Amino acid sequence: MASLTPKDQALRLSTPPLQGRGKGWGISAVRLAELHARARAMRNNPTEPEKRLWRSLSNGQLGFKFRRQAVIPPYIADFLCPTSKLIVEVDGDTHDGPMDAHRNRYLESLGYRVVRVTNADVMTNMDGVVAFILNALRGNSRPHPHPSPEREGLNAVEAQKLSGISLEGSVA
């Protein structure tokens, strides 16, 4: 009988392996392998808005490194900046508000911040979307205590409106 690699051995187990730096994600190795395969398929066949946004996020163009279709069990995040723990979700017509809210709460419990942009915003207002993401990356979710004439003290909703990003369907 040939000896199994640690990966193959883990796939045979029905109990969840310790993953995620010893935390344990609570899912089996088989389910984790399925998530990674699905994420790979999604990276190989992105939607048009995801392609366009990736052109702006890839290669550290914003000063931050992003990953596409990152697995954070039991979910797959559209775009993840690991250093700032920011997840950017591109929402199309198929997103469900209550399910997205539940997903956001779970990801936030792991220490991630989740921001959402719509397909329409990505397709028609890329500059506003990039400004919104940069604002989130820099942690400017709260207004400056001393607002300036240059609008530095805007809250996230006001900044979205001025950037031209629609708030319809947003859960974040």
C-alpha atoms as a PDB file:
ATOM      1  CA  MET A   1       0.000   0.000   0.000  1.00  0.00           C
ATOM      2  CA  ALA A   2       1.413   3.370  -1.047  1.00  0.00           C
ATOM      3  CA  SER A   3       1.794   6.006   1.622  1.00  0.00           C
ATOM      4  CA  LEU A   4      -0.546   8.964   1.367  1.00  0.00           C
ATOM      5  CA  THR A   5       0.577  12.568   1.308  1.00  0.00           C
ATOM      6  CA  PRO A   6      -0.639  14.706   4.210  1.00  0.00           C
ATOM      7  CA  LYS A   7      -3.101  16.411   1.840  1.00  0.00           C
ATOM      8  CA  ASP A   8      -4.523  13.093   0.629  1.00  0.00           C
ATOM      9  CA  GLN A   9      -4.726  11.833   4.210  1.00  0.00           C
ATOM     10  CA  ALA A  10      -6.618  14.985   5.242  1.00  0.00           C
ATOM     11  CA  LEU A  11      -9.090  14.483   2.394  1.00  0.00           C
ATOM     12  CA  ARG A  12      -9.867  10.991   3.710  1.00  0.00           C
ATOM     13  CA  LEU A  13     -10.760  12.275   7.138  1.00  0.00           C
ATOM     14  CA  SER A  14     -14.366  13.056   7.902  1.00  0.00           C
ATOM     15  CA  THR A  15     -13.485  15.379  10.771  1.00  0.00           C
ATOM     16  CA  PRO A  16     -12.415  18.959  10.095  1.00  0.00           C
ATOM     17  CA  PRO A  17      -8.635  19.372  10.009  1.00  0.00           C
ATOM     18  CA  LEU A  18      -6.951  22.138  11.942  1.00  0.00           C
ATOM     19  CA  GLN A  19      -6.528  24.947   9.468  1.00  0.00           C
ATOM     20  CA  GLY A  20      -6.219  28.693   9.616  1.00  0.00           C
ATOM     21  CA  ARG A  21      -3.195  28.808  11.936  1.00  0.00           C
ATOM     22  CA  GLY A  22      -4.637  26.335  14.396  1.00  0.00           C
ATOM     23  CA  LYS A  23      -8.027  27.986  14.739  1.00  0.00           C
ATOM     24  CA  GLY A  24      -9.879  25.318  12.803  1.00  0.00           C
ATOM     25  CA  TRP A  25     -12.486  26.521  10.348  1.00  0.00           C
ATOM     26  CA  GLY A  26     -14.991  23.847  11.213  1.00  0.00           C
ATOM     27  CA  ILE A  27     -15.287  22.412   7.716  1.00  0.00           C
ATOM     28  CA  SER A  28     -13.910  19.190   6.320  1.00  0.00           C
ATOM     29  CA  ALA A  29     -10.894  19.064   4.052  1.00  0.00           C
ATOM     30  CA  VAL A  30     -13.171  17.832   1.261  1.00  0.00           C
ATOM     31  CA  ARG A  31     -15.411  20.910   1.575  1.00  0.00           C
ATOM     32  CA  LEU A  32     -12.347  23.161   1.733  1.00  0.00           C
ATOM     33  CA  ALA A  33     -10.967  21.569  -1.449  1.00  0.00           C
ATOM     34  CA  GLU A  34     -14.364  22.134  -3.128  1.00  0.00           C
ATOM     35  CA  LEU A  35     -14.288  25.823  -2.128  1.00  0.00           C
ATOM     36  CA  HIS A  36     -10.791  26.244  -3.545  1.00  0.00           C
ATOM     37  CA  ALA A  37     -11.801  24.539  -6.804  1.00  0.00           C
ATOM     38  CA  ARG A  38     -14.878  26.780  -7.078  1.00  0.00           C
ATOM     39  CA  ALA A  39     -12.777  29.880  -6.379  1.00  0.00           C
ATOM     40  CA  ARG A  40     -10.302  28.831  -9.094  1.00  0.00           C
ATOM     41  CA  ALA A  41     -13.170  28.365 -11.550  1.00  0.00           C
ATOM     42  CA  MET A  42     -14.532  31.809 -10.634  1.00  0.00           C
ATOM     43  CA  ARG A  43     -11.082  33.385 -11.177  1.00  0.00           C
ATOM     44  CA  ASN A  44     -10.875  31.713 -14.576  1.00  0.00           C
ATOM     45  CA  ASN A  45     -14.333  32.936 -15.605  1.00  0.00           C
ATOM     46  CA  PRO A  46     -14.950  36.355 -13.979  1.00  0.00           C
ATOM     47  CA  THR A  47     -17.920  38.589 -14.675  1.00  0.00           C
ATOM     48  CA  GLU A  48     -17.282  41.735 -16.707  1.00  0.00           C
ATOM     49  CA  PRO A  49     -17.536  44.046 -13.643  1.00  0.00           C
ATOM     50  CA  GLU A  50     -15.076  41.821 -11.760  1.00  0.00           C
ATOM     51  CA  LYS A  51     -12.642  41.966 -14.707  1.00  0.00           C
ATOM     52  CA  ARG A  52     -12.845  45.750 -14.814  1.00  0.00           C
ATOM     53  CA  LEU A  53     -12.405  46.205 -11.081  1.00  0.00           C
ATOM     54  CA  TRP A  54      -9.489  43.757 -11.031  1.00  0.00           C
ATOM     55  CA  ARG A  55      -7.695  45.937 -13.595  1.00  0.00           C
ATOM     56  CA  SER A  56      -7.745  48.734 -11.001  1.00  0.00           C
ATOM     57  CA  LEU A  57      -6.881  46.573  -7.977  1.00  0.00           C
ATOM     58  CA  SER A  58      -4.222  44.236  -9.381  1.00  0.00           C
ATOM     59  CA  ASN A  59      -0.464  44.667  -9.105  1.00  0.00           C
ATOM     60  CA  GLY A  60      -0.745  46.874  -6.032  1.00  0.00           C
ATOM     61  CA  GLN A  61      -1.911  49.862  -8.076  1.00  0.00           C
ATOM     62  CA  LEU A  62      -3.673  51.361  -5.058  1.00  0.00           C
ATOM     63  CA  GLY A  63      -0.720  50.722  -2.783  1.00  0.00           C
ATOM     64  CA  PHE A  64      -2.359  47.586  -1.364  1.00  0.00           C
ATOM     65  CA  LYS A  65      -2.203  43.973  -2.543  1.00  0.00           C
ATOM     66  CA  PHE A  66      -5.486  42.282  -3.401  1.00  0.00           C
ATOM     67  CA  ARG A  67      -6.450  38.676  -4.075  1.00  0.00           C
ATOM     68  CA  ARG A  68      -9.323  37.633  -6.326  1.00  0.00           C
ATOM     69  CA  GLN A  69     -11.876  35.057  -5.226  1.00  0.00           C
ATOM     70  CA  ALA A  70     -10.206  34.457  -1.871  1.00  0.00           C
ATOM     71  CA  VAL A  71     -11.475  31.542   0.189  1.00  0.00           C
ATOM     72  CA  ILE A  72     -12.539  32.468   3.730  1.00  0.00           C
ATOM     73  CA  PRO A  73     -14.468  29.351   4.711  1.00  0.00           C
ATOM     74  CA  PRO A  74     -17.314  28.850   4.217  1.00  0.00           C
ATOM     75  CA  TYR A  75     -17.345  31.821   1.798  1.00  0.00           C
ATOM     76  CA  ILE A  76     -15.469  33.098  -1.228  1.00  0.00           C
ATOM     77  CA  ALA A  77     -14.729  36.833  -1.179  1.00  0.00           C
ATOM     78  CA  ASP A  78     -14.668  38.654  -4.538  1.00  0.00           C
ATOM     79  CA  PHE A  79     -11.591  40.722  -3.604  1.00  0.00           C
ATOM     80  CA  LEU A  80      -9.541  40.562  -0.401  1.00  0.00           C
ATOM     81  CA  CYS A  81      -6.813  42.868   0.844  1.00  0.00           C
ATOM     82  CA  PRO A  82      -5.161  40.698   3.503  1.00  0.00           C
ATOM     83  CA  THR A  83      -3.050  43.460   5.072  1.00  0.00           C
ATOM     84  CA  SER A  84      -5.991  45.750   5.796  1.00  0.00           C
ATOM     85  CA  LYS A  85      -8.478  42.858   6.187  1.00  0.00           C
ATOM     86  CA  LEU A  86     -10.802  44.538   3.690  1.00  0.00           C
ATOM     87  CA  ILE A  87     -13.204  42.548   1.523  1.00  0.00           C
ATOM     88  CA  VAL A  88     -14.707  44.183  -1.565  1.00  0.00           C
ATOM     89  CA  GLU A  89     -17.848  42.526  -2.908  1.00  0.00           C
ATOM     90  CA  VAL A  90     -19.221  43.321  -6.362  1.00  0.00           C
ATOM     91  CA  ASP A  91     -22.977  42.848  -6.197  1.00  0.00           C
ATOM     92  CA  GLY A  92     -25.089  41.967  -9.182  1.00  0.00           C
ATOM     93  CA  ASP A  93     -28.779  41.219  -9.520  1.00  0.00           C
ATOM     94  CA  THR A  94     -28.492  37.833  -7.789  1.00  0.00           C
ATOM     95  CA  HIS A  95     -27.400  39.095  -4.357  1.00  0.00           C
ATOM     96  CA  ASP A  96     -29.806  38.599  -1.467  1.00  0.00           C
ATOM     97  CA  GLY A  97     -29.854  41.369   1.175  1.00  0.00           C
ATOM     98  CA  PRO A  98     -30.602  39.264   4.285  1.00  0.00           C
ATOM     99  CA  MET A  99     -28.113  36.545   3.270  1.00  0.00           C
ATOM    100  CA  ASP A 100     -25.472  39.195   2.512  1.00  0.00           C
ATOM    101  CA  ALA A 101     -26.084  40.797   5.924  1.00  0.00           C
ATOM    102  CA  HIS A 102     -25.587  37.422   7.634  1.00  0.00           C
ATOM    103  CA  ARG A 103     -22.403  36.824   5.612  1.00  0.00           C
ATOM    104  CA  ASN A 104     -21.114  40.310   6.508  1.00  0.00           C
ATOM    105  CA  ARG A 105     -21.713  39.723  10.222  1.00  0.00           C
ATOM    106  CA  TYR A 106     -19.807  36.440  10.071  1.00  0.00           C
ATOM    107  CA  LEU A 107     -16.856  37.938   8.176  1.00  0.00           C
ATOM    108  CA  GLU A 108     -16.799  40.936  10.510  1.00  0.00           C
ATOM    109  CA  SER A 109     -16.683  38.536  13.475  1.00  0.00           C
ATOM    110  CA  LEU A 110     -13.409  37.249  11.968  1.00  0.00           C
ATOM    111  CA  GLY A 111     -12.036  40.803  11.891  1.00  0.00           C
ATOM    112  CA  TYR A 112     -12.722  41.655   8.240  1.00  0.00           C
ATOM    113  CA  ARG A 113     -14.392  44.828   6.982  1.00  0.00           C
ATOM    114  CA  VAL A 114     -16.773  44.301   4.072  1.00  0.00           C
ATOM    115  CA  VAL A 115     -17.653  46.964   1.515  1.00  0.00           C
ATOM    116  CA  ARG A 116     -20.023  46.442  -1.363  1.00  0.00           C
ATOM    117  CA  VAL A 117     -20.225  48.060  -4.761  1.00  0.00           C
ATOM    118  CA  THR A 118     -22.757  47.357  -7.464  1.00  0.00           C
ATOM    119  CA  ASN A 119     -22.110  46.057 -10.957  1.00  0.00           C
ATOM    120  CA  ALA A 120     -23.614  49.276 -12.327  1.00  0.00           C
ATOM    121  CA  ASP A 121     -21.196  51.425 -10.320  1.00  0.00           C
ATOM    122  CA  VAL A 122     -18.201  49.431 -11.546  1.00  0.00           C
ATOM    123  CA  MET A 123     -19.372  49.650 -15.148  1.00  0.00           C
ATOM    124  CA  THR A 124     -20.250  53.362 -15.148  1.00  0.00           C
ATOM    125  CA  ASN A 125     -18.265  55.030 -12.353  1.00  0.00           C
ATOM    126  CA  MET A 126     -14.918  53.299 -11.859  1.00  0.00           C
ATOM    127  CA  ASP A 127     -13.252  56.451 -10.503  1.00  0.00           C
ATOM    128  CA  GLY A 128     -15.898  56.729  -7.769  1.00  0.00           C
ATOM    129  CA  VAL A 129     -15.594  53.024  -6.931  1.00  0.00           C
ATOM    130  CA  VAL A 130     -11.793  53.259  -6.670  1.00  0.00           C
ATOM    131  CA  ALA A 131     -12.073  56.376  -4.464  1.00  0.00           C
ATOM    132  CA  PHE A 132     -14.578  54.555  -2.240  1.00  0.00           C
ATOM    133  CA  ILE A 133     -12.256  51.524  -1.913  1.00  0.00           C
ATOM    134  CA  LEU A 134      -9.236  53.749  -1.187  1.00  0.00           C
ATOM    135  CA  ASN A 135     -11.228  55.502   1.521  1.00  0.00           C
ATOM    136  CA  ALA A 136     -12.069  52.124   3.073  1.00  0.00           C
ATOM    137  CA  LEU A 137      -8.450  50.936   2.789  1.00  0.00           C
ATOM    138  CA  ARG A 138      -7.212  53.998   4.591  1.00  0.00           C
ATOM    139  CA  GLY A 139      -9.719  53.401   7.361  1.00  0.00           C
ATOM    140  CA  ASN A 140     -11.594  56.645   6.742  1.00  0.00           C
ATOM    141  CA  SER A 141     -14.928  55.199   7.748  1.00  0.00           C
ATOM    142  CA  ARG A 142     -15.463  57.941  10.351  1.00  0.00           C
ATOM    143  CA  PRO A 143     -15.601  61.650   9.621  1.00  0.00           C
ATOM    144  CA  HIS A 144     -12.666  63.816  10.545  1.00  0.00           C
ATOM    145  CA  PRO A 145     -13.345  65.573  13.867  1.00  0.00           C
ATOM    146  CA  HIS A 146     -12.621  68.972  12.291  1.00  0.00           C
ATOM    147  CA  PRO A 147     -14.181  69.056   8.814  1.00  0.00           C
ATOM    148  CA  SER A 148     -12.291  71.120   6.288  1.00  0.00           C
ATOM    149  CA  PRO A 149     -13.542  73.005   3.241  1.00  0.00           C
ATOM    150  CA  GLU A 150     -12.051  70.162   1.158  1.00  0.00           C
ATOM    151  CA  ARG A 151     -14.766  67.837   2.546  1.00  0.00           C
ATOM    152  CA  GLU A 152     -12.381  65.651   4.589  1.00  0.00           C
ATOM    153  CA  GLY A 153     -14.969  65.303   7.328  1.00  0.00           C
ATOM    154  CA  LEU A 154     -17.595  63.552   5.238  1.00  0.00           C
ATOM    155  CA  ASN A 155     -19.112  60.358   6.500  1.00  0.00           C
ATOM    156  CA  ALA A 156     -19.205  57.263   4.282  1.00  0.00           C
ATOM    157  CA  VAL A 157     -22.734  57.928   2.968  1.00  0.00           C
ATOM    158  CA  GLU A 158     -21.934  61.517   2.003  1.00  0.00           C
ATOM    159  CA  ALA A 159     -18.666  60.417   0.396  1.00  0.00           C
ATOM    160  CA  GLN A 160     -20.523  57.757  -1.615  1.00  0.00           C
ATOM    161  CA  LYS A 161     -23.072  60.302  -2.823  1.00  0.00           C
ATOM    162  CA  LEU A 162     -20.398  62.792  -3.843  1.00  0.00           C
ATOM    163  CA  SER A 163     -18.416  60.026  -5.557  1.00  0.00           C
ATOM    164  CA  GLY A 164     -21.531  59.109  -7.516  1.00  0.00           C
ATOM    165  CA  ILE A 165     -21.808  55.617  -6.050  1.00  0.00           C
ATOM    166  CA  SER A 166     -25.374  54.436  -5.673  1.00  0.00           C
ATOM    167  CA  LEU A 167     -26.465  53.125  -2.282  1.00  0.00           C
ATOM    168  CA  GLU A 168     -29.319  50.989  -3.582  1.00  0.00           C
ATOM    169  CA  GLY A 169     -28.909  47.339  -2.708  1.00  0.00           C
ATOM    170  CA  SER A 170     -25.942  48.052  -0.451  1.00  0.00           C
ATOM    171  CA  VAL A 171     -25.807  46.037   2.752  1.00  0.00           C
ATOM    172  CA  ALA A 172     -22.475  47.174   4.215  1.00  0.00           C
END
